[in-house]
N, C-alpha and C. Protein backbone atom coordinates (compact mmCIF):
# COMPACT_ATOMS: atom_id res chain seq x y z
N UNK A 1 144.77 7.02 13.39
CA UNK A 1 145.49 8.24 13.07
C UNK A 1 146.99 8.02 13.28
N UNK A 2 147.80 8.40 12.30
CA UNK A 2 149.24 8.25 12.42
C UNK A 2 149.79 9.20 13.48
N UNK A 3 150.80 8.71 14.18
CA UNK A 3 151.44 9.52 15.20
C UNK A 3 152.38 10.54 14.55
N UNK A 4 152.28 11.80 14.98
CA UNK A 4 153.17 12.83 14.45
C UNK A 4 154.57 12.63 15.03
N UNK A 5 155.57 12.77 14.19
CA UNK A 5 156.95 12.49 14.58
C UNK A 5 157.69 13.80 14.87
N UNK A 6 158.37 13.82 16.00
CA UNK A 6 159.12 15.01 16.41
C UNK A 6 160.58 14.66 16.68
N UNK A 7 161.44 15.63 16.41
CA UNK A 7 162.83 15.57 16.85
C UNK A 7 163.00 16.69 17.88
N UNK A 8 163.32 16.32 19.11
CA UNK A 8 163.44 17.31 20.19
C UNK A 8 164.85 17.89 20.23
N UNK A 9 164.91 19.20 20.39
CA UNK A 9 166.20 19.88 20.50
C UNK A 9 166.21 20.70 21.78
N UNK A 10 167.24 20.46 22.60
CA UNK A 10 167.39 21.18 23.87
C UNK A 10 168.75 21.88 23.88
N UNK A 11 168.77 23.07 24.50
CA UNK A 11 170.04 23.78 24.59
C UNK A 11 170.22 24.38 25.98
N UNK A 12 171.45 24.25 26.50
CA UNK A 12 171.84 24.94 27.72
C UNK A 12 173.08 25.75 27.40
N UNK A 13 173.31 26.80 28.18
CA UNK A 13 174.34 27.77 27.82
C UNK A 13 175.72 27.46 28.37
N UNK A 14 175.82 26.62 29.40
CA UNK A 14 177.12 26.40 30.03
C UNK A 14 177.40 24.92 30.21
N UNK A 15 178.70 24.60 30.30
CA UNK A 15 179.09 23.21 30.55
C UNK A 15 178.54 22.72 31.88
N UNK A 16 178.51 23.63 32.89
CA UNK A 16 178.02 23.24 34.21
C UNK A 16 176.57 22.80 34.13
N UNK A 17 175.74 23.58 33.42
CA UNK A 17 174.33 23.21 33.28
C UNK A 17 174.19 21.92 32.49
N UNK A 18 175.06 21.73 31.50
CA UNK A 18 174.99 20.51 30.69
C UNK A 18 175.30 19.28 31.51
N UNK A 19 176.33 19.37 32.38
CA UNK A 19 176.70 18.21 33.20
C UNK A 19 175.67 17.93 34.28
N UNK A 20 175.11 18.97 34.86
CA UNK A 20 174.19 18.79 35.98
C UNK A 20 172.76 18.47 35.55
N UNK A 21 172.42 18.82 34.32
CA UNK A 21 171.05 18.62 33.87
C UNK A 21 170.15 19.77 34.19
N UNK A 22 170.68 20.80 34.92
CA UNK A 22 169.88 21.97 35.24
C UNK A 22 169.46 22.67 33.96
N UNK A 23 168.23 23.03 33.87
CA UNK A 23 167.74 23.66 32.65
C UNK A 23 167.16 22.65 31.69
N UNK A 24 167.84 21.53 31.52
CA UNK A 24 167.34 20.49 30.61
C UNK A 24 166.04 19.88 31.14
N UNK A 25 166.00 19.67 32.46
CA UNK A 25 164.79 19.07 33.04
C UNK A 25 163.57 19.94 32.78
N UNK A 26 163.73 21.27 32.93
CA UNK A 26 162.61 22.18 32.71
C UNK A 26 162.20 22.16 31.25
N UNK A 27 163.17 22.10 30.34
CA UNK A 27 162.85 22.06 28.92
C UNK A 27 162.14 20.76 28.56
N UNK A 28 162.64 19.66 29.08
CA UNK A 28 162.00 18.36 28.80
C UNK A 28 160.58 18.32 29.34
N UNK A 29 160.38 18.88 30.54
CA UNK A 29 159.05 18.90 31.14
C UNK A 29 158.09 19.71 30.29
N UNK A 30 158.57 20.84 29.73
CA UNK A 30 157.72 21.66 28.87
C UNK A 30 157.31 20.88 27.62
N UNK A 31 158.24 20.12 27.07
CA UNK A 31 157.94 19.30 25.89
C UNK A 31 156.95 18.20 26.23
N UNK A 32 157.15 17.55 27.36
CA UNK A 32 156.24 16.47 27.79
C UNK A 32 154.83 17.00 27.95
N UNK A 33 154.70 18.16 28.59
CA UNK A 33 153.37 18.75 28.78
C UNK A 33 152.73 19.13 27.44
N UNK A 34 153.54 19.62 26.52
CA UNK A 34 153.02 20.01 25.21
C UNK A 34 152.49 18.79 24.45
N UNK A 35 153.17 17.66 24.56
CA UNK A 35 152.78 16.46 23.82
C UNK A 35 151.69 15.65 24.51
N UNK A 36 151.40 15.97 25.78
CA UNK A 36 150.40 15.22 26.53
C UNK A 36 149.05 15.26 25.81
N UNK A 37 148.46 14.09 25.59
CA UNK A 37 147.16 14.01 24.94
C UNK A 37 147.22 14.03 23.43
N UNK A 38 148.41 14.22 22.87
CA UNK A 38 148.56 14.23 21.42
C UNK A 38 149.04 12.87 20.93
N UNK A 39 148.71 12.58 19.71
CA UNK A 39 149.24 11.38 19.08
C UNK A 39 150.59 11.75 18.48
N UNK A 40 151.64 11.62 19.28
CA UNK A 40 152.95 12.10 18.88
C UNK A 40 154.05 11.20 19.42
N UNK A 41 155.17 11.18 18.70
CA UNK A 41 156.32 10.38 19.10
C UNK A 41 157.59 11.19 18.92
N UNK A 42 158.45 11.18 19.92
CA UNK A 42 159.77 11.79 19.77
C UNK A 42 160.72 10.70 19.28
N UNK A 43 161.21 10.87 18.06
CA UNK A 43 162.06 9.82 17.46
C UNK A 43 163.54 10.06 17.71
N UNK A 44 163.90 11.27 18.13
CA UNK A 44 165.31 11.56 18.41
C UNK A 44 165.39 12.79 19.30
N UNK A 45 166.50 12.90 20.03
CA UNK A 45 166.71 14.02 20.93
C UNK A 45 168.15 14.49 20.80
N UNK A 46 168.33 15.81 20.70
CA UNK A 46 169.66 16.39 20.59
C UNK A 46 169.83 17.46 21.67
N UNK A 47 170.97 17.45 22.33
CA UNK A 47 171.26 18.42 23.39
C UNK A 47 172.51 19.20 23.01
N UNK A 48 172.37 20.52 22.98
CA UNK A 48 173.48 21.42 22.63
C UNK A 48 173.91 22.18 23.88
N UNK A 49 175.23 22.28 24.08
CA UNK A 49 175.77 23.11 25.15
C UNK A 49 176.53 24.24 24.47
N UNK A 50 175.88 25.39 24.38
CA UNK A 50 176.45 26.49 23.58
C UNK A 50 175.77 27.79 23.94
N UNK A 51 176.41 28.88 23.57
CA UNK A 51 175.84 30.21 23.79
C UNK A 51 174.75 30.48 22.77
N UNK A 52 173.67 31.15 23.22
CA UNK A 52 172.56 31.45 22.32
C UNK A 52 172.91 32.44 21.24
N UNK A 53 173.97 33.23 21.44
CA UNK A 53 174.35 34.23 20.45
C UNK A 53 175.09 33.66 19.27
N UNK A 54 175.48 32.39 19.34
CA UNK A 54 176.24 31.78 18.25
C UNK A 54 175.31 31.03 17.31
N UNK A 55 175.56 31.20 16.00
CA UNK A 55 174.71 30.54 15.02
C UNK A 55 175.24 29.17 14.62
N UNK A 56 176.51 28.89 14.90
CA UNK A 56 177.11 27.63 14.50
C UNK A 56 176.86 26.59 15.58
N UNK A 57 175.84 25.74 15.37
CA UNK A 57 175.49 24.75 16.37
C UNK A 57 175.41 23.38 15.72
N UNK A 58 176.43 22.55 15.88
CA UNK A 58 176.44 21.24 15.23
C UNK A 58 175.28 20.33 15.62
N UNK A 59 174.89 20.36 16.90
CA UNK A 59 173.78 19.50 17.32
C UNK A 59 172.46 19.93 16.68
N UNK A 60 172.29 21.22 16.52
CA UNK A 60 171.07 21.70 15.87
C UNK A 60 171.07 21.33 14.40
N UNK A 61 172.25 21.43 13.77
CA UNK A 61 172.34 20.99 12.37
C UNK A 61 171.96 19.51 12.25
N UNK A 62 172.44 18.71 13.21
CA UNK A 62 172.11 17.27 13.20
C UNK A 62 170.61 17.06 13.38
N UNK A 63 170.01 17.88 14.27
CA UNK A 63 168.57 17.76 14.52
C UNK A 63 167.77 18.11 13.28
N UNK A 64 168.18 19.17 12.58
CA UNK A 64 167.49 19.58 11.36
C UNK A 64 167.64 18.51 10.28
N UNK A 65 168.85 17.95 10.17
CA UNK A 65 169.09 16.89 9.19
C UNK A 65 168.21 15.68 9.49
N UNK A 66 168.05 15.36 10.79
CA UNK A 66 167.21 14.23 11.17
C UNK A 66 165.75 14.49 10.80
N UNK A 67 165.31 15.74 11.01
CA UNK A 67 163.94 16.10 10.63
C UNK A 67 163.71 15.92 9.14
N UNK A 68 164.67 16.37 8.34
CA UNK A 68 164.53 16.28 6.89
C UNK A 68 164.59 14.82 6.43
N UNK A 69 165.46 14.07 7.08
CA UNK A 69 165.62 12.66 6.70
C UNK A 69 164.39 11.83 7.09
N UNK A 70 163.85 12.10 8.27
CA UNK A 70 162.74 11.30 8.80
C UNK A 70 161.38 11.94 8.59
N UNK A 71 161.38 13.12 7.89
CA UNK A 71 160.11 13.84 7.68
C UNK A 71 159.43 14.12 9.02
N UNK A 72 160.22 14.66 9.93
CA UNK A 72 159.72 14.94 11.28
C UNK A 72 159.71 16.45 11.53
N UNK A 73 159.13 16.84 12.65
CA UNK A 73 159.02 18.25 13.05
C UNK A 73 160.03 18.53 14.15
N UNK A 74 160.76 19.63 14.03
CA UNK A 74 161.70 20.04 15.07
C UNK A 74 160.92 20.64 16.23
N UNK A 75 161.14 20.17 17.43
CA UNK A 75 160.39 20.62 18.60
C UNK A 75 161.34 21.19 19.64
N UNK A 76 161.10 22.43 20.05
CA UNK A 76 161.92 23.08 21.07
C UNK A 76 161.02 23.62 22.17
N UNK A 77 161.60 23.78 23.37
CA UNK A 77 160.81 24.24 24.50
C UNK A 77 160.52 25.73 24.42
N UNK A 78 161.52 26.51 23.96
CA UNK A 78 161.37 27.97 23.90
C UNK A 78 162.03 28.48 22.63
N UNK A 79 161.47 29.55 22.09
CA UNK A 79 162.03 30.13 20.88
C UNK A 79 163.49 30.52 21.06
N UNK A 80 163.86 31.06 22.24
CA UNK A 80 165.24 31.50 22.43
C UNK A 80 166.21 30.33 22.54
N UNK A 81 165.70 29.09 22.60
CA UNK A 81 166.59 27.95 22.55
C UNK A 81 167.21 27.80 21.15
N UNK A 82 166.56 28.41 20.14
CA UNK A 82 167.14 28.37 18.79
C UNK A 82 168.24 29.39 18.68
N UNK A 83 167.89 30.66 18.65
CA UNK A 83 168.91 31.72 18.60
C UNK A 83 168.22 33.06 18.64
N UNK A 84 168.98 34.08 19.05
CA UNK A 84 168.46 35.44 19.02
C UNK A 84 169.05 36.13 17.80
N UNK A 85 168.86 35.54 16.63
CA UNK A 85 169.46 36.06 15.41
C UNK A 85 168.46 35.98 14.26
N UNK A 86 168.26 37.11 13.58
CA UNK A 86 167.37 37.13 12.42
C UNK A 86 167.89 36.19 11.34
N UNK A 87 169.21 36.25 11.10
CA UNK A 87 169.81 35.41 10.06
C UNK A 87 169.59 33.94 10.34
N UNK A 88 169.75 33.54 11.61
CA UNK A 88 169.60 32.14 11.96
C UNK A 88 168.17 31.66 11.72
N UNK A 89 167.20 32.44 12.20
CA UNK A 89 165.79 32.07 12.00
C UNK A 89 165.46 32.02 10.51
N UNK A 90 165.97 33.00 9.74
CA UNK A 90 165.70 33.04 8.30
C UNK A 90 166.27 31.80 7.62
N UNK A 91 167.49 31.41 8.01
CA UNK A 91 168.10 30.22 7.41
C UNK A 91 167.31 28.96 7.75
N UNK A 92 166.80 28.91 8.99
CA UNK A 92 166.00 27.74 9.39
C UNK A 92 164.73 27.67 8.55
N UNK A 93 164.11 28.83 8.34
CA UNK A 93 162.90 28.87 7.53
C UNK A 93 163.21 28.44 6.09
N UNK A 94 164.34 28.92 5.56
CA UNK A 94 164.71 28.58 4.19
C UNK A 94 164.96 27.08 4.02
N UNK A 95 165.35 26.42 5.10
CA UNK A 95 165.61 24.98 5.02
C UNK A 95 164.32 24.19 4.86
N UNK A 96 163.18 24.88 5.04
CA UNK A 96 161.85 24.27 4.92
C UNK A 96 161.61 23.19 5.96
N UNK A 97 162.36 23.27 7.05
CA UNK A 97 162.14 22.35 8.16
C UNK A 97 161.01 22.89 9.02
N UNK A 98 159.99 22.09 9.22
CA UNK A 98 158.89 22.52 10.07
C UNK A 98 159.34 22.46 11.52
N UNK A 99 159.03 23.51 12.29
CA UNK A 99 159.42 23.50 13.69
C UNK A 99 158.33 24.13 14.54
N UNK A 100 158.30 23.71 15.80
CA UNK A 100 157.32 24.21 16.76
C UNK A 100 158.03 24.62 18.03
N UNK A 101 157.75 25.83 18.50
CA UNK A 101 158.24 26.28 19.80
C UNK A 101 157.12 26.09 20.80
N UNK A 102 157.37 25.33 21.84
CA UNK A 102 156.33 24.99 22.80
C UNK A 102 155.70 26.25 23.42
N UNK A 103 156.53 27.30 23.66
CA UNK A 103 155.99 28.48 24.30
C UNK A 103 155.15 29.33 23.36
N UNK A 104 155.22 29.10 22.04
CA UNK A 104 154.35 29.79 21.08
C UNK A 104 154.05 28.86 19.91
N UNK A 105 153.26 27.82 20.19
CA UNK A 105 153.02 26.79 19.17
C UNK A 105 152.24 27.27 17.95
N UNK A 106 151.49 28.37 18.08
CA UNK A 106 150.67 28.83 16.96
C UNK A 106 151.26 30.07 16.28
N UNK A 107 152.46 30.44 16.66
CA UNK A 107 153.08 31.63 16.07
C UNK A 107 153.40 31.38 14.60
N UNK A 108 153.08 32.37 13.77
CA UNK A 108 153.39 32.27 12.35
C UNK A 108 154.88 32.51 12.13
N UNK A 109 155.36 32.19 10.95
CA UNK A 109 156.78 32.41 10.64
C UNK A 109 157.10 33.90 10.68
N UNK A 110 156.14 34.72 10.29
CA UNK A 110 156.36 36.16 10.33
C UNK A 110 156.57 36.62 11.77
N UNK A 111 155.74 36.12 12.68
CA UNK A 111 155.86 36.48 14.09
C UNK A 111 157.22 36.05 14.63
N UNK A 112 157.66 34.83 14.30
CA UNK A 112 158.95 34.35 14.77
C UNK A 112 160.08 35.24 14.26
N UNK A 113 159.97 35.67 13.01
CA UNK A 113 161.00 36.52 12.43
C UNK A 113 161.05 37.87 13.16
N UNK A 114 159.88 38.43 13.46
CA UNK A 114 159.83 39.71 14.17
C UNK A 114 160.42 39.59 15.57
N UNK A 115 160.08 38.51 16.28
CA UNK A 115 160.61 38.30 17.62
C UNK A 115 162.12 38.18 17.60
N UNK A 116 162.65 37.47 16.63
CA UNK A 116 164.10 37.33 16.51
C UNK A 116 164.74 38.68 16.22
N UNK A 117 164.09 39.48 15.38
CA UNK A 117 164.63 40.80 15.03
C UNK A 117 164.67 41.69 16.27
N UNK A 118 163.62 41.66 17.08
CA UNK A 118 163.59 42.47 18.30
C UNK A 118 164.69 42.04 19.26
N UNK A 119 164.87 40.73 19.43
CA UNK A 119 165.89 40.23 20.34
C UNK A 119 167.29 40.60 19.86
N UNK A 120 167.51 40.52 18.56
CA UNK A 120 168.82 40.88 18.02
C UNK A 120 169.09 42.37 18.23
N UNK A 121 168.06 43.19 18.06
CA UNK A 121 168.22 44.63 18.29
C UNK A 121 168.58 44.90 19.74
N UNK A 122 167.91 44.19 20.66
CA UNK A 122 168.20 44.37 22.08
C UNK A 122 169.66 44.02 22.37
N UNK A 123 170.16 42.94 21.77
CA UNK A 123 171.54 42.55 22.01
C UNK A 123 172.52 43.61 21.50
N UNK A 124 172.21 44.20 20.34
CA UNK A 124 173.07 45.24 19.79
C UNK A 124 173.07 46.49 20.68
N UNK A 125 171.87 46.85 21.17
CA UNK A 125 171.76 48.02 22.03
C UNK A 125 172.56 47.82 23.31
N UNK A 126 172.45 46.63 23.89
CA UNK A 126 173.18 46.33 25.13
C UNK A 126 174.68 46.41 24.88
N UNK A 127 175.12 45.90 23.72
CA UNK A 127 176.54 45.97 23.39
C UNK A 127 177.01 47.41 23.28
N UNK A 128 176.18 48.26 22.68
CA UNK A 128 176.54 49.67 22.55
C UNK A 128 176.58 50.35 23.92
N UNK A 129 175.65 50.00 24.80
CA UNK A 129 175.66 50.57 26.15
C UNK A 129 176.92 50.16 26.91
N UNK A 130 177.34 48.91 26.72
CA UNK A 130 178.54 48.43 27.40
C UNK A 130 179.76 49.21 26.96
N UNK A 131 179.89 49.42 25.66
CA UNK A 131 181.03 50.19 25.14
C UNK A 131 180.99 51.62 25.66
N UNK A 132 179.79 52.21 25.70
CA UNK A 132 179.65 53.58 26.18
C UNK A 132 180.03 53.68 27.65
N UNK A 133 179.65 52.66 28.44
CA UNK A 133 179.97 52.66 29.87
C UNK A 133 181.48 52.58 30.09
N UNK A 134 182.14 51.75 29.29
CA UNK A 134 183.60 51.63 29.41
C UNK A 134 184.27 52.94 29.02
N UNK A 135 183.76 53.58 27.96
CA UNK A 135 184.33 54.86 27.52
C UNK A 135 184.14 55.93 28.59
N UNK A 136 182.97 55.92 29.23
CA UNK A 136 182.70 56.91 30.29
C UNK A 136 183.62 56.68 31.49
N UNK A 137 183.86 55.40 31.82
CA UNK A 137 184.75 55.08 32.94
C UNK A 137 186.16 55.56 32.64
N UNK A 138 186.59 55.35 31.41
CA UNK A 138 187.93 55.80 31.01
C UNK A 138 188.04 57.32 31.09
N UNK A 139 186.97 58.01 30.67
CA UNK A 139 186.96 59.47 30.71
C UNK A 139 187.02 60.00 32.14
N UNK A 140 186.50 59.22 33.08
CA UNK A 140 186.54 59.63 34.50
C UNK A 140 187.89 59.33 35.14
N UNK A 141 188.77 58.71 34.37
CA UNK A 141 190.09 58.40 34.90
C UNK A 141 190.24 57.01 35.44
N UNK A 142 189.20 56.17 35.28
CA UNK A 142 189.29 54.79 35.74
C UNK A 142 190.26 54.04 34.83
N UNK A 143 191.24 53.37 35.43
CA UNK A 143 192.24 52.65 34.65
C UNK A 143 191.76 51.22 34.41
N UNK A 144 191.58 50.90 33.16
CA UNK A 144 191.18 49.54 32.78
C UNK A 144 192.24 49.00 31.83
N UNK A 145 192.99 48.02 32.31
CA UNK A 145 193.96 47.39 31.42
C UNK A 145 193.24 46.68 30.30
N UNK A 146 193.99 46.27 29.28
CA UNK A 146 193.38 45.60 28.13
C UNK A 146 192.61 44.37 28.56
N UNK A 147 193.23 43.56 29.43
CA UNK A 147 192.56 42.34 29.89
C UNK A 147 191.35 42.68 30.73
N UNK A 148 191.49 43.72 31.60
CA UNK A 148 190.35 44.12 32.42
C UNK A 148 189.19 44.62 31.60
N UNK A 149 189.49 45.37 30.55
CA UNK A 149 188.43 45.88 29.67
C UNK A 149 187.73 44.73 28.97
N UNK A 150 188.52 43.77 28.50
CA UNK A 150 187.92 42.63 27.81
C UNK A 150 187.03 41.83 28.74
N UNK A 151 187.52 41.62 29.98
CA UNK A 151 186.71 40.87 30.93
C UNK A 151 185.44 41.62 31.29
N UNK A 152 185.54 42.94 31.40
CA UNK A 152 184.35 43.74 31.72
C UNK A 152 183.32 43.63 30.61
N UNK A 153 183.76 43.74 29.36
CA UNK A 153 182.85 43.61 28.22
C UNK A 153 182.26 42.21 28.18
N UNK A 154 183.10 41.19 28.40
CA UNK A 154 182.63 39.80 28.37
C UNK A 154 181.57 39.57 29.44
N UNK A 155 181.82 40.09 30.64
CA UNK A 155 180.86 39.91 31.73
C UNK A 155 179.53 40.60 31.41
N UNK A 156 179.61 41.84 30.93
CA UNK A 156 178.40 42.58 30.58
C UNK A 156 177.62 41.87 29.49
N UNK A 157 178.34 41.40 28.47
CA UNK A 157 177.68 40.74 27.35
C UNK A 157 177.00 39.45 27.78
N UNK A 158 177.70 38.65 28.59
CA UNK A 158 177.12 37.39 29.06
C UNK A 158 175.92 37.64 29.96
N UNK A 159 176.00 38.65 30.81
CA UNK A 159 174.88 38.97 31.70
C UNK A 159 173.68 39.44 30.90
N UNK A 160 173.92 40.26 29.87
CA UNK A 160 172.83 40.75 29.04
C UNK A 160 172.21 39.61 28.24
N UNK A 161 173.07 38.71 27.74
CA UNK A 161 172.58 37.57 26.97
C UNK A 161 171.69 36.68 27.84
N UNK A 162 172.13 36.42 29.07
CA UNK A 162 171.35 35.59 29.97
C UNK A 162 170.02 36.25 30.32
N UNK A 163 170.05 37.58 30.52
CA UNK A 163 168.82 38.30 30.83
C UNK A 163 167.80 38.15 29.71
N UNK A 164 168.26 38.25 28.46
CA UNK A 164 167.33 38.10 27.33
C UNK A 164 166.78 36.69 27.25
N UNK A 165 167.61 35.70 27.61
CA UNK A 165 167.11 34.33 27.61
C UNK A 165 166.02 34.13 28.65
N UNK A 166 166.09 34.88 29.75
CA UNK A 166 165.14 34.72 30.83
C UNK A 166 163.85 35.50 30.62
N UNK A 167 163.79 36.34 29.58
CA UNK A 167 162.60 37.16 29.37
C UNK A 167 161.33 36.30 29.31
N UNK A 168 161.35 35.23 28.52
CA UNK A 168 160.17 34.39 28.38
C UNK A 168 159.75 33.77 29.69
N UNK A 169 160.73 33.29 30.48
CA UNK A 169 160.43 32.67 31.77
C UNK A 169 159.83 33.69 32.72
N UNK A 170 160.30 34.93 32.66
CA UNK A 170 159.74 35.99 33.51
C UNK A 170 158.29 36.26 33.13
N UNK A 171 158.01 36.30 31.84
CA UNK A 171 156.64 36.53 31.39
C UNK A 171 155.72 35.41 31.88
N UNK A 172 156.22 34.18 31.85
CA UNK A 172 155.43 33.05 32.35
C UNK A 172 155.15 33.21 33.83
N UNK A 173 156.18 33.61 34.60
CA UNK A 173 156.01 33.80 36.04
C UNK A 173 154.99 34.89 36.34
N UNK A 174 155.06 36.00 35.57
CA UNK A 174 154.12 37.09 35.78
C UNK A 174 152.70 36.66 35.42
N UNK A 175 152.57 35.90 34.33
CA UNK A 175 151.25 35.38 33.94
C UNK A 175 150.69 34.45 35.00
N UNK A 176 151.59 33.76 35.72
CA UNK A 176 151.16 32.83 36.76
C UNK A 176 150.80 33.55 38.06
N UNK A 177 150.98 34.87 38.10
CA UNK A 177 150.58 35.63 39.27
C UNK A 177 151.70 36.17 40.12
N UNK A 178 152.96 35.88 39.76
CA UNK A 178 154.08 36.41 40.53
C UNK A 178 154.15 37.92 40.36
N UNK A 179 154.28 38.63 41.47
CA UNK A 179 154.28 40.09 41.41
C UNK A 179 155.48 40.71 42.13
N UNK A 180 156.28 39.92 42.79
CA UNK A 180 157.46 40.44 43.47
C UNK A 180 158.68 39.62 43.04
N UNK A 181 159.86 40.17 43.31
CA UNK A 181 161.08 39.43 42.97
C UNK A 181 161.16 38.12 43.76
N UNK A 182 160.68 38.14 44.99
CA UNK A 182 160.69 36.92 45.80
C UNK A 182 159.78 35.85 45.18
N UNK A 183 158.60 36.27 44.71
CA UNK A 183 157.68 35.32 44.09
C UNK A 183 158.23 34.78 42.77
N UNK A 184 158.88 35.65 41.99
CA UNK A 184 159.47 35.20 40.72
C UNK A 184 160.59 34.21 41.00
N UNK A 185 161.43 34.51 42.00
CA UNK A 185 162.51 33.60 42.37
C UNK A 185 161.93 32.23 42.77
N UNK A 186 160.86 32.27 43.56
CA UNK A 186 160.22 31.02 43.97
C UNK A 186 159.67 30.24 42.80
N UNK A 187 159.10 30.97 41.82
CA UNK A 187 158.57 30.33 40.62
C UNK A 187 159.69 29.63 39.85
N UNK A 188 160.81 30.33 39.67
CA UNK A 188 161.95 29.74 38.95
C UNK A 188 162.48 28.50 39.67
N UNK A 189 162.63 28.60 40.98
CA UNK A 189 163.17 27.47 41.74
C UNK A 189 162.24 26.26 41.68
N UNK A 190 160.93 26.52 41.75
CA UNK A 190 159.96 25.42 41.69
C UNK A 190 159.96 24.76 40.33
N UNK A 191 160.25 25.56 39.28
CA UNK A 191 160.26 25.02 37.91
C UNK A 191 161.60 24.38 37.56
N UNK A 192 162.58 24.47 38.45
CA UNK A 192 163.88 23.87 38.18
C UNK A 192 164.74 24.68 37.22
N UNK A 193 164.45 25.98 37.12
CA UNK A 193 165.23 26.85 36.23
C UNK A 193 166.45 27.35 36.99
N UNK A 194 167.67 27.08 36.52
CA UNK A 194 168.86 27.50 37.26
C UNK A 194 169.17 28.97 37.08
N UNK A 195 169.82 29.55 38.08
CA UNK A 195 170.29 30.92 37.96
C UNK A 195 171.48 30.95 37.00
N UNK A 196 172.00 32.13 36.76
CA UNK A 196 173.14 32.24 35.85
C UNK A 196 174.34 31.44 36.34
N UNK A 197 174.49 31.32 37.65
CA UNK A 197 175.58 30.54 38.23
C UNK A 197 175.25 29.06 38.34
N UNK A 198 174.06 28.69 37.92
CA UNK A 198 173.67 27.28 37.96
C UNK A 198 173.02 26.84 39.25
N UNK A 199 172.74 27.79 40.16
CA UNK A 199 172.14 27.43 41.44
C UNK A 199 170.72 27.95 41.59
N UNK A 200 170.33 28.26 42.83
CA UNK A 200 168.99 28.73 43.11
C UNK A 200 168.87 30.23 42.88
N UNK A 201 167.63 30.66 42.67
CA UNK A 201 167.33 32.08 42.48
C UNK A 201 167.03 32.73 43.82
N UNK A 202 167.39 34.02 43.93
CA UNK A 202 167.08 34.83 45.10
C UNK A 202 166.49 36.16 44.60
N UNK A 203 165.75 36.87 45.44
CA UNK A 203 165.15 38.15 45.00
C UNK A 203 166.17 39.09 44.37
N UNK A 204 167.38 39.15 44.92
CA UNK A 204 168.39 40.07 44.38
C UNK A 204 168.81 39.67 42.97
N UNK A 205 168.94 38.37 42.71
CA UNK A 205 169.35 37.93 41.36
C UNK A 205 168.23 38.18 40.36
N UNK A 206 166.98 38.03 40.80
CA UNK A 206 165.84 38.35 39.92
C UNK A 206 165.82 39.85 39.63
N UNK A 207 166.07 40.65 40.65
CA UNK A 207 166.05 42.11 40.48
C UNK A 207 167.08 42.56 39.44
N UNK A 208 168.25 41.93 39.43
CA UNK A 208 169.28 42.29 38.44
C UNK A 208 168.81 42.00 37.03
N UNK A 209 168.15 40.86 36.86
CA UNK A 209 167.62 40.50 35.53
C UNK A 209 166.56 41.51 35.10
N UNK A 210 165.67 41.85 36.02
CA UNK A 210 164.58 42.79 35.69
C UNK A 210 165.13 44.15 35.31
N UNK A 211 166.18 44.60 36.00
CA UNK A 211 166.79 45.90 35.66
C UNK A 211 167.37 45.87 34.25
N UNK A 212 168.00 44.78 33.90
CA UNK A 212 168.60 44.69 32.56
C UNK A 212 167.52 44.67 31.48
N UNK A 213 166.35 44.13 31.83
CA UNK A 213 165.25 44.05 30.86
C UNK A 213 164.30 45.24 30.97
N UNK A 214 164.57 46.15 31.92
CA UNK A 214 163.73 47.33 32.13
C UNK A 214 162.29 46.94 32.46
N UNK A 215 162.17 45.92 33.32
CA UNK A 215 160.85 45.47 33.78
C UNK A 215 160.68 45.88 35.23
N UNK A 216 159.57 46.54 35.53
CA UNK A 216 159.30 47.01 36.88
C UNK A 216 158.63 45.91 37.70
N UNK A 217 159.08 45.80 38.95
CA UNK A 217 158.48 44.79 39.86
C UNK A 217 158.84 45.18 41.28
N UNK A 218 157.93 44.85 42.24
CA UNK A 218 158.24 45.10 43.64
C UNK A 218 159.40 44.22 44.06
N UNK A 219 160.26 44.74 44.94
CA UNK A 219 161.47 44.02 45.32
C UNK A 219 161.18 42.86 46.26
N UNK A 220 160.11 42.93 47.05
CA UNK A 220 159.83 41.85 48.00
C UNK A 220 158.37 41.45 47.94
């Protein structure tokens, strides 16, 4: 039987994670476990250091080109490693490049499109809430200079974006039996998943993510 050929694509969101390898190890481990027992070969690997909200990703373009050139399958650890954009997923589908997300290997293209649509909607809603919060603060007399307002929006947007990226990992932790923020933090640390700052997880940092995602969980 011929070995199936894959091109692996990994993405981390910050330069710090890219230099340290945090996040990449967990993604590589997920890919290794997925390929275990299969007749498969990874012929190339591409690593992108970029925000998930951006559709312009040169390394991903290179990975797709390699797949088309070598008649290989694009392999990613998680769907959100591609993008939280309907347009991006649609363009990938139109390229006729076959791809597999390790966390949902049997998902149909329709399912992937729906998931991307839901994630994009969540990002838009969070952006609207951020603007509303700033407007409410201004109405209360809070003085926000132009730079301060921009930084506040940037912080909120980045925090919301990271929370959405962590949704899948939280679902995995809950499926594994984690029921408290402390247990979820322990699950993330054991899996080598870095916090937003690139370090270890603590119950308080997990609680912030859960609040942004409107997921209920015991605090300890």
